[in-house]
Amino acid sequence: MSAVIWAVLGYLLGSVPFGIVITRALGLGDLRQIGSGNIGATNVLRTGHKGAALATLLLDSGKGAIAVLLARWLGGETAAVVAGAAALLGHCFPVWLGFRGGKGVATFLGTLIALYWPLGLAACAIWLATALVTRISSLSALVAVGTSPLVAALMGKGQIAAAALFMAALIFWRHKENIARLRAGTEPKIGRKT
């Protein structure tokens, strides 16, 4: 199968909006009208349903990982990298929601773990360490995502580093409002409702 086909399949898998599916199934309302309006696990947590947030986190991570693993199994390593990056693109810009999706951090981490698990675990550790120090989820995500291309390159994974750079740029773009609040000192800490 060609890289284009893997990109399309990865995009379609990534575009499944699990946060919306789960909150609707549980009768929690339209996630896009709650909190930040984002479709990811952090906003699902604002519904007060921790189980729904955890399920969203796992499924959003899992769709990136499944795209990578399926593509690797059927198409090889380049197909896996293409499918993983496309899954992130699908999560951020899902066709089903008028191309208004999530910010992509969970899908990014799931994709990295599936592409090269030491890199994925390093990104998770960087997120956790930053969160413990700053207690700001968005900053933790940006630090983990932003350092991943460099870490991948240092691990000798050039193709993954290039994909991680593309994905990091996309995630930084999706976090532009968070970045503005970080600069203004108004970004909420972990555990606050807004």
C-alpha atoms as a PDB file:
ATOM      1  CA  MET A   1       0.000   0.000   0.000  1.00  0.00           C
ATOM      2  CA  SER A   2       1.242   3.486  -0.790  1.00  0.00           C
ATOM      3  CA  ALA A   3       2.052   6.189   1.748  1.00  0.00           C
ATOM      4  CA  VAL A   4      -1.023   8.122   0.592  1.00  0.00           C
ATOM      5  CA  ILE A   5      -3.318   5.237   1.490  1.00  0.00           C
ATOM      6  CA  TRP A   6      -1.677   4.889   4.909  1.00  0.00           C
ATOM      7  CA  ALA A   7      -2.052   8.619   5.429  1.00  0.00           C
ATOM      8  CA  VAL A   8      -5.771   8.444   4.621  1.00  0.00           C
ATOM      9  CA  LEU A   9      -6.358   5.419   6.851  1.00  0.00           C
ATOM     10  CA  GLY A  10      -4.366   6.977   9.695  1.00  0.00           C
ATOM     11  CA  TYR A  11      -6.274  10.241   9.324  1.00  0.00           C
ATOM     12  CA  LEU A  12      -9.669   8.506   9.402  1.00  0.00           C
ATOM     13  CA  LEU A  13      -8.743   6.472  12.465  1.00  0.00           C
ATOM     14  CA  GLY A  14      -7.369   9.556  14.213  1.00  0.00           C
ATOM     15  CA  SER A  15     -10.473  11.583  13.414  1.00  0.00           C
ATOM     16  CA  VAL A  16     -12.793   9.436  15.571  1.00  0.00           C
ATOM     17  CA  PRO A  17     -13.833  11.925  18.322  1.00  0.00           C
ATOM     18  CA  PHE A  18     -13.848   9.582  21.316  1.00  0.00           C
ATOM     19  CA  GLY A  19     -14.407  12.390  23.832  1.00  0.00           C
ATOM     20  CA  ILE A  20     -17.671  13.339  22.150  1.00  0.00           C
ATOM     21  CA  VAL A  21     -18.734   9.713  21.650  1.00  0.00           C
ATOM     22  CA  ILE A  22     -18.133   8.856  25.325  1.00  0.00           C
ATOM     23  CA  THR A  23     -19.748  11.964  26.828  1.00  0.00           C
ATOM     24  CA  ARG A  24     -22.826  11.564  24.629  1.00  0.00           C
ATOM     25  CA  ALA A  25     -23.102   7.857  25.471  1.00  0.00           C
ATOM     26  CA  LEU A  26     -22.987   8.699  29.183  1.00  0.00           C
ATOM     27  CA  GLY A  27     -25.503  11.537  28.860  1.00  0.00           C
ATOM     28  CA  LEU A  28     -22.974  14.200  29.879  1.00  0.00           C
ATOM     29  CA  GLY A  29     -23.979  16.641  27.145  1.00  0.00           C
ATOM     30  CA  ASP A  30     -22.180  18.075  24.150  1.00  0.00           C
ATOM     31  CA  LEU A  31     -18.504  18.276  25.058  1.00  0.00           C
ATOM     32  CA  ARG A  32     -18.025  21.214  22.700  1.00  0.00           C
ATOM     33  CA  GLN A  33     -20.342  23.257  24.968  1.00  0.00           C
ATOM     34  CA  ILE A  34     -18.473  22.370  28.180  1.00  0.00           C
ATOM     35  CA  GLY A  35     -15.362  24.027  29.641  1.00  0.00           C
ATOM     36  CA  SER A  36     -12.882  24.868  26.889  1.00  0.00           C
ATOM     37  CA  GLY A  37     -15.011  23.193  24.210  1.00  0.00           C
ATOM     38  CA  ASN A  38     -12.103  20.875  23.402  1.00  0.00           C
ATOM     39  CA  ILE A  39     -12.825  17.214  22.582  1.00  0.00           C
ATOM     40  CA  GLY A  40      -9.936  15.739  24.586  1.00  0.00           C
ATOM     41  CA  ALA A  41      -9.579  14.062  27.975  1.00  0.00           C
ATOM     42  CA  THR A  42      -8.733  17.254  29.884  1.00  0.00           C
ATOM     43  CA  ASN A  43     -12.057  18.793  28.914  1.00  0.00           C
ATOM     44  CA  VAL A  44     -13.940  15.532  29.524  1.00  0.00           C
ATOM     45  CA  LEU A  45     -12.570  15.713  33.077  1.00  0.00           C
ATOM     46  CA  ARG A  46     -14.385  19.031  33.453  1.00  0.00           C
ATOM     47  CA  THR A  47     -17.676  17.116  33.265  1.00  0.00           C
ATOM     48  CA  GLY A  48     -16.729  15.629  36.646  1.00  0.00           C
ATOM     49  CA  HIS A  49     -16.654  12.092  35.264  1.00  0.00           C
ATOM     50  CA  LYS A  50     -13.138  10.748  35.863  1.00  0.00           C
ATOM     51  CA  GLY A  51     -13.913   7.408  34.217  1.00  0.00           C
ATOM     52  CA  ALA A  52     -15.008   9.121  31.013  1.00  0.00           C
ATOM     53  CA  ALA A  53     -11.846  11.234  31.026  1.00  0.00           C
ATOM     54  CA  LEU A  54      -9.648   8.164  31.506  1.00  0.00           C
ATOM     55  CA  ALA A  55     -11.473   6.294  28.738  1.00  0.00           C
ATOM     56  CA  THR A  56     -11.014   9.285  26.412  1.00  0.00           C
ATOM     57  CA  LEU A  57      -7.313   9.485  27.258  1.00  0.00           C
ATOM     58  CA  LEU A  58      -6.791   5.786  26.570  1.00  0.00           C
ATOM     59  CA  LEU A  59      -8.824   5.751  23.353  1.00  0.00           C
ATOM     60  CA  ASP A  60      -7.246   8.942  21.994  1.00  0.00           C
ATOM     61  CA  SER A  61      -3.798   7.503  22.746  1.00  0.00           C
ATOM     62  CA  GLY A  62      -4.833   4.130  21.410  1.00  0.00           C
ATOM     63  CA  LYS A  63      -5.999   5.374  18.037  1.00  0.00           C
ATOM     64  CA  GLY A  64      -2.540   6.767  17.310  1.00  0.00           C
ATOM     65  CA  ALA A  65      -0.905   3.554  18.483  1.00  0.00           C
ATOM     66  CA  ILE A  66      -3.277   1.349  16.482  1.00  0.00           C
ATOM     67  CA  ALA A  67      -2.666   3.376  13.324  1.00  0.00           C
ATOM     68  CA  VAL A  68       1.094   2.877  13.774  1.00  0.00           C
ATOM     69  CA  LEU A  69       0.937  -0.818  14.640  1.00  0.00           C
ATOM     70  CA  LEU A  70      -1.466  -1.707  11.840  1.00  0.00           C
ATOM     71  CA  ALA A  71       0.562   0.213   9.264  1.00  0.00           C
ATOM     72  CA  ARG A  72       3.829  -1.326  10.485  1.00  0.00           C
ATOM     73  CA  TRP A  73       2.351  -4.827  10.308  1.00  0.00           C
ATOM     74  CA  LEU A  74       1.021  -4.400   6.776  1.00  0.00           C
ATOM     75  CA  GLY A  75       3.306  -1.783   5.271  1.00  0.00           C
ATOM     76  CA  GLY A  76       6.576  -1.433   7.187  1.00  0.00           C
ATOM     77  CA  GLU A  77       8.250   1.308   9.182  1.00  0.00           C
ATOM     78  CA  THR A  78       7.707   4.223   6.794  1.00  0.00           C
ATOM     79  CA  ALA A  79       4.010   3.358   6.586  1.00  0.00           C
ATOM     80  CA  ALA A  80       3.886   3.329  10.395  1.00  0.00           C
ATOM     81  CA  VAL A  81       5.424   6.806  10.650  1.00  0.00           C
ATOM     82  CA  VAL A  82       3.073   8.202   7.989  1.00  0.00           C
ATOM     83  CA  ALA A  83      -0.023   6.634   9.567  1.00  0.00           C
ATOM     84  CA  GLY A  84       0.899   7.883  13.034  1.00  0.00           C
ATOM     85  CA  ALA A  85       1.430  11.466  11.896  1.00  0.00           C
ATOM     86  CA  ALA A  86      -1.820  11.306   9.910  1.00  0.00           C
ATOM     87  CA  ALA A  87      -3.712  10.002  12.955  1.00  0.00           C
ATOM     88  CA  LEU A  88      -2.609  13.076  14.875  1.00  0.00           C
ATOM     89  CA  LEU A  89      -3.722  15.280  11.985  1.00  0.00           C
ATOM     90  CA  GLY A  90      -7.105  13.516  12.028  1.00  0.00           C
ATOM     91  CA  HIS A  91      -7.503  14.088  15.756  1.00  0.00           C
ATOM     92  CA  CYS A  92      -6.706  17.793  15.450  1.00  0.00           C
ATOM     93  CA  PHE A  93      -8.782  18.342  12.306  1.00  0.00           C
ATOM     94  CA  PRO A  94     -11.498  15.657  12.100  1.00  0.00           C
ATOM     95  CA  VAL A  95     -13.653  15.724   9.003  1.00  0.00           C
ATOM     96  CA  TRP A  96     -16.681  14.642  11.080  1.00  0.00           C
ATOM     97  CA  LEU A  97     -16.541  17.809  13.220  1.00  0.00           C
ATOM     98  CA  GLY A  98     -15.927  20.399  10.531  1.00  0.00           C
ATOM     99  CA  PHE A  99     -12.142  20.083  11.048  1.00  0.00           C
ATOM    100  CA  ARG A 100     -12.414  21.415  14.629  1.00  0.00           C
ATOM    101  CA  GLY A 101     -10.867  18.782  16.868  1.00  0.00           C
ATOM    102  CA  GLY A 102      -8.592  18.319  19.844  1.00  0.00           C
ATOM    103  CA  LYS A 103      -5.102  19.460  20.660  1.00  0.00           C
ATOM    104  CA  GLY A 104      -3.507  16.073  20.029  1.00  0.00           C
ATOM    105  CA  VAL A 105      -1.304  15.426  23.065  1.00  0.00           C
ATOM    106  CA  ALA A 106      -2.723  12.007  23.984  1.00  0.00           C
ATOM    107  CA  THR A 107      -2.700  10.883  20.351  1.00  0.00           C
ATOM    108  CA  PHE A 108       0.889  12.141  20.041  1.00  0.00           C
ATOM    109  CA  LEU A 109       2.016  10.142  23.076  1.00  0.00           C
ATOM    110  CA  GLY A 110       0.248   6.982  21.911  1.00  0.00           C
ATOM    111  CA  THR A 111       1.815   7.385  18.487  1.00  0.00           C
ATOM    112  CA  LEU A 112       5.317   7.835  19.926  1.00  0.00           C
ATOM    113  CA  ILE A 113       4.973   4.824  22.224  1.00  0.00           C
ATOM    114  CA  ALA A 114       3.967   2.663  19.261  1.00  0.00           C
ATOM    115  CA  LEU A 115       6.666   4.063  16.965  1.00  0.00           C
ATOM    116  CA  TYR A 116       9.521   3.617  19.456  1.00  0.00           C
ATOM    117  CA  TRP A 117       8.531   2.914  23.030  1.00  0.00           C
ATOM    118  CA  PRO A 118      11.690   4.329  24.708  1.00  0.00           C
ATOM    119  CA  LEU A 119      10.947   7.674  23.028  1.00  0.00           C
ATOM    120  CA  GLY A 120       7.290   7.526  24.037  1.00  0.00           C
ATOM    121  CA  LEU A 121       8.188   6.759  27.639  1.00  0.00           C
ATOM    122  CA  ALA A 122      10.744   9.586  27.634  1.00  0.00           C
ATOM    123  CA  ALA A 123       8.040  12.009  26.435  1.00  0.00           C
ATOM    124  CA  CYS A 124       5.658  10.791  29.154  1.00  0.00           C
ATOM    125  CA  ALA A 125       8.397  11.205  31.783  1.00  0.00           C
ATOM    126  CA  ILE A 126       9.137  14.738  30.583  1.00  0.00           C
ATOM    127  CA  TRP A 127       5.422  15.583  30.761  1.00  0.00           C
ATOM    128  CA  LEU A 128       5.161  14.172  34.284  1.00  0.00           C
ATOM    129  CA  ALA A 129       8.295  15.911  35.561  1.00  0.00           C
ATOM    130  CA  THR A 130       7.157  19.254  34.152  1.00  0.00           C
ATOM    131  CA  ALA A 131       3.660  18.781  35.574  1.00  0.00           C
ATOM    132  CA  LEU A 132       5.031  17.990  39.029  1.00  0.00           C
ATOM    133  CA  VAL A 133       7.114  21.188  38.982  1.00  0.00           C
ATOM    134  CA  THR A 134       4.682  23.613  37.306  1.00  0.00           C
ATOM    135  CA  ARG A 135       1.240  21.991  37.806  1.00  0.00           C
ATOM    136  CA  ILE A 136       0.294  23.332  34.356  1.00  0.00           C
ATOM    137  CA  SER A 137      -0.903  20.657  31.937  1.00  0.00           C
ATOM    138  CA  SER A 138      -0.499  22.662  28.741  1.00  0.00           C
ATOM    139  CA  LEU A 139       3.067  23.692  29.595  1.00  0.00           C
ATOM    140  CA  SER A 140       3.917  20.093  30.454  1.00  0.00           C
ATOM    141  CA  ALA A 141       2.525  18.972  27.112  1.00  0.00           C
ATOM    142  CA  LEU A 142       4.404  21.641  25.176  1.00  0.00           C
ATOM    143  CA  VAL A 143       7.707  20.805  26.868  1.00  0.00           C
ATOM    144  CA  ALA A 144       7.248  17.058  26.260  1.00  0.00           C
ATOM    145  CA  VAL A 145       6.153  17.544  22.656  1.00  0.00           C
ATOM    146  CA  GLY A 146       8.767  20.187  21.903  1.00  0.00           C
ATOM    147  CA  THR A 147      11.686  18.095  23.160  1.00  0.00           C
ATOM    148  CA  SER A 148      10.587  14.854  21.481  1.00  0.00           C
ATOM    149  CA  PRO A 149      12.121  15.556  18.035  1.00  0.00           C
ATOM    150  CA  LEU A 150      15.483  16.254  19.668  1.00  0.00           C
ATOM    151  CA  VAL A 151      15.248  13.174  21.886  1.00  0.00           C
ATOM    152  CA  ALA A 152      14.330  11.051  18.851  1.00  0.00           C
ATOM    153  CA  ALA A 153      17.328  12.410  16.939  1.00  0.00           C
ATOM    154  CA  LEU A 154      19.627  11.712  19.885  1.00  0.00           C
ATOM    155  CA  MET A 155      18.278   8.142  19.943  1.00  0.00           C
ATOM    156  CA  GLY A 156      19.235   7.766  16.281  1.00  0.00           C
ATOM    157  CA  LYS A 157      15.646   7.707  15.010  1.00  0.00           C
ATOM    158  CA  GLY A 158      15.835  10.271  12.206  1.00  0.00           C
ATOM    159  CA  GLN A 159      12.589   9.344  10.440  1.00  0.00           C
ATOM    160  CA  ILE A 160      10.672   9.438  13.710  1.00  0.00           C
ATOM    161  CA  ALA A 161      12.371  12.720  14.643  1.00  0.00           C
ATOM    162  CA  ALA A 162      11.110  14.282  11.402  1.00  0.00           C
ATOM    163  CA  ALA A 163       7.564  13.042  12.064  1.00  0.00           C
ATOM    164  CA  ALA A 164       7.778  14.226  15.680  1.00  0.00           C
ATOM    165  CA  LEU A 165       8.824  17.677  14.454  1.00  0.00           C
ATOM    166  CA  PHE A 166       5.772  17.846  12.168  1.00  0.00           C
ATOM    167  CA  MET A 167       3.500  16.658  14.977  1.00  0.00           C
ATOM    168  CA  ALA A 168       5.069  19.070  17.478  1.00  0.00           C
ATOM    169  CA  ALA A 169       4.482  22.008  15.123  1.00  0.00           C
ATOM    170  CA  LEU A 170       0.848  20.972  14.764  1.00  0.00           C
ATOM    171  CA  ILE A 171       0.370  20.646  18.519  1.00  0.00           C
ATOM    172  CA  PHE A 172       2.011  24.008  19.185  1.00  0.00           C
ATOM    173  CA  TRP A 173      -0.382  25.548  16.643  1.00  0.00           C
ATOM    174  CA  ARG A 174      -3.361  23.937  18.387  1.00  0.00           C
ATOM    175  CA  HIS A 175      -2.082  25.333  21.712  1.00  0.00           C
ATOM    176  CA  LYS A 176      -1.720  28.943  20.554  1.00  0.00           C
ATOM    177  CA  GLU A 177      -4.378  30.172  23.009  1.00  0.00           C
ATOM    178  CA  ASN A 178      -2.701  28.264  25.849  1.00  0.00           C
ATOM    179  CA  ILE A 179       0.638  29.793  24.878  1.00  0.00           C
ATOM    180  CA  ALA A 180      -0.902  33.272  25.019  1.00  0.00           C
ATOM    181  CA  ARG A 181      -2.263  32.539  28.516  1.00  0.00           C
ATOM    182  CA  LEU A 182       1.090  31.106  29.609  1.00  0.00           C
ATOM    183  CA  ARG A 183       2.794  34.314  28.503  1.00  0.00           C
ATOM    184  CA  ALA A 184       0.182  36.356  30.364  1.00  0.00           C
ATOM    185  CA  GLY A 185       0.463  34.194  33.491  1.00  0.00           C
ATOM    186  CA  THR A 186      -3.242  33.267  33.371  1.00  0.00           C
ATOM    187  CA  GLU A 187      -3.082  29.602  32.316  1.00  0.00           C
ATOM    188  CA  PRO A 188      -4.916  27.496  34.929  1.00  0.00           C
ATOM    189  CA  LYS A 189      -3.150  24.939  37.073  1.00  0.00           C
ATOM    190  CA  ILE A 190      -3.984  21.237  37.050  1.00  0.00           C
ATOM    191  CA  GLY A 191      -7.101  20.586  39.115  1.00  0.00           C
ATOM    192  CA  ARG A 192      -8.788  23.917  38.526  1.00  0.00           C
ATOM    193  CA  LYS A 193     -12.163  23.802  36.763  1.00  0.00           C
ATOM    194  CA  THR A 194     -11.442  26.584  34.254  1.00  0.00           C
END
